[in-house]
Amino acid sequence: MNPKHFLIVFFLWSVSLDAGCSTVGVQEHAKAKFDKIDTVTVISTGVDNLGLQGELEYILLSRGYDVVSQEVASQKAKLDVDVDYSNNKVKGGAEVYKATEVKSVYVLSFAYSSRFDGQFREEKINKLYGSLIDLRTGKIVKSLKIERSIWALKGNTAFLEALVDQMQ
């Protein structure tokens, strides 16, 4: 076989594997329901070197989901302070709210591993696992999974878009 033909056949074979060997899936709870008009906060439970949290927020917003940023959810605080300058005393207190205590109905938490793709010289998702949790009940409404084949040519965004599309 001609070396050029071999390379073409190998390339076409590897492109066909891109969809076949990679997994993008969403498993739903039988009784719990997720409505995209309810608010959702995206939280990375690990180190997010690839910026997938922001990418997921962007994709969710572009698909019509109501997204509350993690910064608002985790930094919202109530401050009640009264300063008495005559005594140099401060009275009052502060409360910090967790994501479960703000107006987000769901939390989409995820963690992932990545690998360097030498061919395209970029860091790609290797595996991503996540959970969409109803904060009112604590139930996992949807379980999310991406497992990328070593032959996958798609970028990270394509996998995340496929994942969000399956959430609907």
Protein backbone atom coordinates (compact mmCIF):
# COMPACT_ATOMS: atom_id res chain seq x y z
CA MET A 1 0.00 0.00 0.00
CA ASN A 2 1.23 3.46 -0.88
CA PRO A 3 2.34 5.40 2.27
CA LYS A 4 0.06 8.32 1.30
CA HIS A 5 -2.91 6.00 1.04
CA PHE A 6 -2.05 4.47 4.39
CA LEU A 7 -2.00 7.92 6.02
CA ILE A 8 -5.34 8.83 4.47
CA VAL A 9 -6.92 5.55 5.58
CA PHE A 10 -5.47 5.97 9.08
CA PHE A 11 -6.74 9.57 9.30
CA LEU A 12 -10.25 8.59 8.17
CA TRP A 13 -10.24 5.67 10.61
CA SER A 14 -9.18 7.92 13.49
CA VAL A 15 -11.83 10.52 12.59
CA SER A 16 -14.47 7.80 12.65
CA LEU A 17 -13.28 6.81 16.11
CA ASP A 18 -13.78 10.39 17.33
CA ALA A 19 -17.47 9.85 17.84
CA GLY A 20 -17.45 6.10 18.43
CA CYS A 21 -14.97 5.68 21.27
CA SER A 22 -15.66 8.84 23.22
CA THR A 23 -18.53 8.96 25.71
CA VAL A 24 -20.72 11.96 26.40
CA GLY A 25 -23.63 11.00 28.59
CA VAL A 26 -26.28 12.22 30.99
CA GLN A 27 -28.08 9.84 33.32
CA GLU A 28 -31.34 11.16 34.79
CA HIS A 29 -32.98 10.42 38.13
CA ALA A 30 -36.25 8.60 37.56
CA LYS A 31 -38.42 10.92 39.68
CA ALA A 32 -36.54 14.20 39.99
CA LYS A 33 -37.20 16.88 37.39
CA PHE A 34 -34.94 19.64 36.07
CA ASP A 35 -36.46 22.73 34.50
CA LYS A 36 -34.06 25.00 32.62
CA ILE A 37 -35.99 28.10 33.78
CA ASP A 38 -34.85 27.40 37.36
CA THR A 39 -31.51 28.87 38.38
CA VAL A 40 -28.31 26.83 38.27
CA THR A 41 -24.84 27.59 39.64
CA VAL A 42 -21.81 25.90 38.06
CA ILE A 43 -19.06 24.89 40.49
CA SER A 44 -15.79 23.14 39.76
CA THR A 45 -14.91 20.89 42.70
CA GLY A 46 -11.29 20.57 41.60
CA VAL A 47 -8.66 22.77 40.01
CA ASP A 48 -10.07 24.28 36.80
CA ASN A 49 -6.95 24.98 34.74
CA LEU A 50 -8.89 24.73 31.48
CA GLY A 51 -11.55 27.27 32.47
CA LEU A 52 -14.39 24.81 31.96
CA GLN A 53 -16.56 26.50 34.59
CA GLY A 54 -16.76 29.67 32.53
CA GLU A 55 -17.23 27.68 29.33
CA LEU A 56 -20.11 25.69 30.86
CA GLU A 57 -21.74 28.90 32.12
CA TYR A 58 -21.47 30.39 28.63
CA ILE A 59 -22.94 27.32 26.94
CA LEU A 60 -25.78 27.05 29.48
CA LEU A 61 -26.66 30.73 28.98
CA SER A 62 -26.56 30.35 25.20
CA ARG A 63 -28.98 27.39 25.49
CA GLY A 64 -31.46 29.43 27.56
CA TYR A 65 -30.63 28.29 31.10
CA ASP A 66 -30.88 30.74 34.02
CA VAL A 67 -27.33 30.79 35.44
CA VAL A 68 -26.23 32.32 38.78
CA SER A 69 -22.47 32.83 38.98
CA GLN A 70 -20.49 31.06 41.67
CA GLU A 71 -18.96 34.37 42.73
CA VAL A 72 -22.40 35.75 43.60
CA ALA A 73 -23.50 32.49 45.20
CA SER A 74 -20.40 32.08 47.37
CA GLN A 75 -19.60 35.70 48.23
CA LYS A 76 -23.05 36.98 49.06
CA ALA A 77 -23.02 38.17 52.63
CA LYS A 78 -25.20 40.03 55.08
CA LEU A 79 -23.42 42.61 57.17
CA ASP A 80 -25.09 44.23 60.18
CA VAL A 81 -22.58 46.44 61.94
CA ASP A 82 -23.15 49.34 64.30
CA VAL A 83 -20.12 51.42 65.23
CA ASP A 84 -20.18 53.49 68.43
CA TYR A 85 -17.39 56.04 68.07
CA SER A 86 -17.72 57.37 71.63
CA ASN A 87 -16.77 53.96 73.18
CA ASN A 88 -14.69 52.68 70.29
CA LYS A 89 -16.96 49.63 70.18
CA VAL A 90 -18.39 47.74 67.29
CA LYS A 91 -21.66 45.83 67.63
CA GLY A 92 -23.29 43.52 65.14
CA GLY A 93 -22.43 40.51 63.09
CA ALA A 94 -21.87 39.13 59.67
CA GLU A 95 -23.36 36.16 57.90
CA VAL A 96 -21.90 34.47 54.87
CA TYR A 97 -24.19 32.44 52.65
CA LYS A 98 -23.24 29.18 50.98
CA ALA A 99 -24.40 28.26 47.48
CA THR A 100 -27.22 26.21 49.03
CA GLU A 101 -28.57 29.29 50.78
CA VAL A 102 -28.82 31.69 47.84
CA LYS A 103 -31.44 31.82 45.15
CA SER A 104 -29.96 29.08 43.00
CA VAL A 105 -32.22 26.05 42.74
CA TYR A 106 -29.57 23.73 41.26
CA VAL A 107 -25.81 23.31 41.48
CA LEU A 108 -23.92 21.75 38.61
CA SER A 109 -20.71 20.52 40.22
CA PHE A 110 -17.98 18.83 38.25
CA ALA A 111 -14.37 17.66 38.34
CA TYR A 112 -12.18 16.54 35.49
CA SER A 113 -8.80 15.25 34.46
CA SER A 114 -7.02 16.46 31.36
CA ARG A 115 -4.18 15.45 29.11
CA PHE A 116 -1.89 17.24 26.70
CA ASP A 117 -2.62 16.51 23.05
CA GLY A 118 0.75 16.78 21.34
CA GLN A 119 -0.76 16.70 17.87
CA PHE A 120 -2.81 19.85 18.42
CA ARG A 121 -0.61 21.22 21.21
CA GLU A 122 -3.46 21.81 23.60
CA GLU A 123 -4.78 20.51 26.90
CA LYS A 124 -7.93 18.45 26.45
CA ILE A 125 -10.49 16.94 28.78
CA ASN A 126 -9.64 13.32 29.46
CA LYS A 127 -12.53 12.52 31.83
CA LEU A 128 -15.19 14.77 33.34
CA TYR A 129 -17.76 13.71 35.91
CA GLY A 130 -20.46 15.95 37.31
CA SER A 131 -23.74 16.09 39.15
CA LEU A 132 -26.73 18.37 38.80
CA ILE A 133 -28.05 18.64 42.36
CA ASP A 134 -31.45 19.97 43.42
CA LEU A 135 -30.59 22.14 46.43
CA ARG A 136 -34.13 21.93 47.80
CA THR A 137 -34.01 18.14 48.20
CA GLY A 138 -30.31 17.28 47.90
CA LYS A 139 -31.13 14.75 45.17
CA ILE A 140 -28.85 14.23 42.21
CA VAL A 141 -31.13 15.05 39.30
CA LYS A 142 -28.63 14.26 36.54
CA SER A 143 -25.23 12.62 36.49
CA LEU A 144 -22.87 13.82 33.75
CA LYS A 145 -19.93 12.07 32.12
CA ILE A 146 -17.38 12.75 29.41
CA GLU A 147 -14.72 10.17 28.62
CA ARG A 148 -12.58 11.22 25.66
CA SER A 149 -11.01 8.67 23.39
CA ILE A 150 -7.31 9.17 22.73
CA TRP A 151 -8.28 9.44 19.05
CA ALA A 152 -10.87 12.18 19.56
CA LEU A 153 -10.20 15.24 17.44
CA LYS A 154 -12.96 17.46 18.82
CA GLY A 155 -12.07 20.33 21.12
CA ASN A 156 -13.26 20.72 24.70
CA THR A 157 -16.09 23.07 23.74
CA ALA A 158 -17.65 20.50 21.39
CA PHE A 159 -17.76 17.92 24.18
CA LEU A 160 -19.23 20.41 26.68
CA GLU A 161 -21.87 21.52 24.15
CA ALA A 162 -22.86 17.90 23.54
CA LEU A 163 -23.13 17.36 27.29
CA VAL A 164 -25.34 20.43 27.85
CA ASP A 165 -27.53 19.47 24.86
CA GLN A 166 -28.16 16.08 26.50
CA MET A 167 -29.21 17.78 29.75
CA GLN A 168 -32.40 19.15 28.16
